[in-house]
C-alpha cells in the first residue's frame, strides 16, 4: 500500500485487458485465426464503408458477436480483477466489447472499443441505448429517427474515452496488461502512459512483445491474474 503524510492509502491498480482475457470464457479473438468471418474480411463487415454499403451485413456480424457474449460467463481472471476492488482502487481499461468484467463485479470499466450489448444512433453518437434483445434490425431507430448501429468502434473510427484512459494510466501505482498483443493502436500506446515508478506486469502466454519496463508473467490469464493478485493480499 502507498502512504502519504503518515496515512495509508489504497493503491490504484489499472488493468488494460484485451481479447486474451475473454478467450477462456469461450469468446474467440476478434480476428480469429484467418481474419475472416463467413468468408469475408473483417473490414467488409466492421468498417464505416461496410456500414454504408451493407448495413444488414454489419448488423448480422455483430448480432453473432452479441449472441456469443450473452452465452459466455466471466472466468477466473475477470473474477479476480473484480475482487481486488475490496482492497484497491481498480480501473479496468478494456479493448473488449463484451460485458464480462461488469458481470464479474467490476464497477469502473472503460470500454475504449465500445460495447456490443448497446446500440447507438447513426446521427448522434451521444445517443446510446442498452439493448433488450440480441439483435439490431434494419428499421430500429433512435429517438431522432435514425437507424441504430452497434455501439462499437469500427475499423478507421476513433476509440472511445481515450483521454480518460490515458489519465487513468498516468495515475496508477500498479499496471497489469492482460491478454492483448498490443497490435491495435492507439490502445496499445496506453502501456507507455504508466508512471515509471509504477509496478508494471504483462500477462501473456507468449514471451514476445513485452513492453519495456514490464515484467512478463507467462501463462494464461485465468492462471496468472489470480496468482498475481493473491500475492498482493
Foldseek 3Di string as FASTA:
>chain_A
DDDDPNHDDFFEEEEEEEDLQCVVQVQAHPCPDPCDDPRHHQLCQFAPVNCVVPVVSVQVVLLVVLVRLVPTEHAQLLLLLQVCVVGHRYAYEYCDQHCRNVRSHHDHYHHFFYHSQKKAFPVDRVRIGGDPDSGQDVVDHDPVRGGIDGGGHGPPGGTPPPVVLLVSQCRGQEYEYAHDLLPDPPSSVSVVSHDLNHAAEYEELDPPRDDPSYHYDHDRSSPRNNVVSVVVD
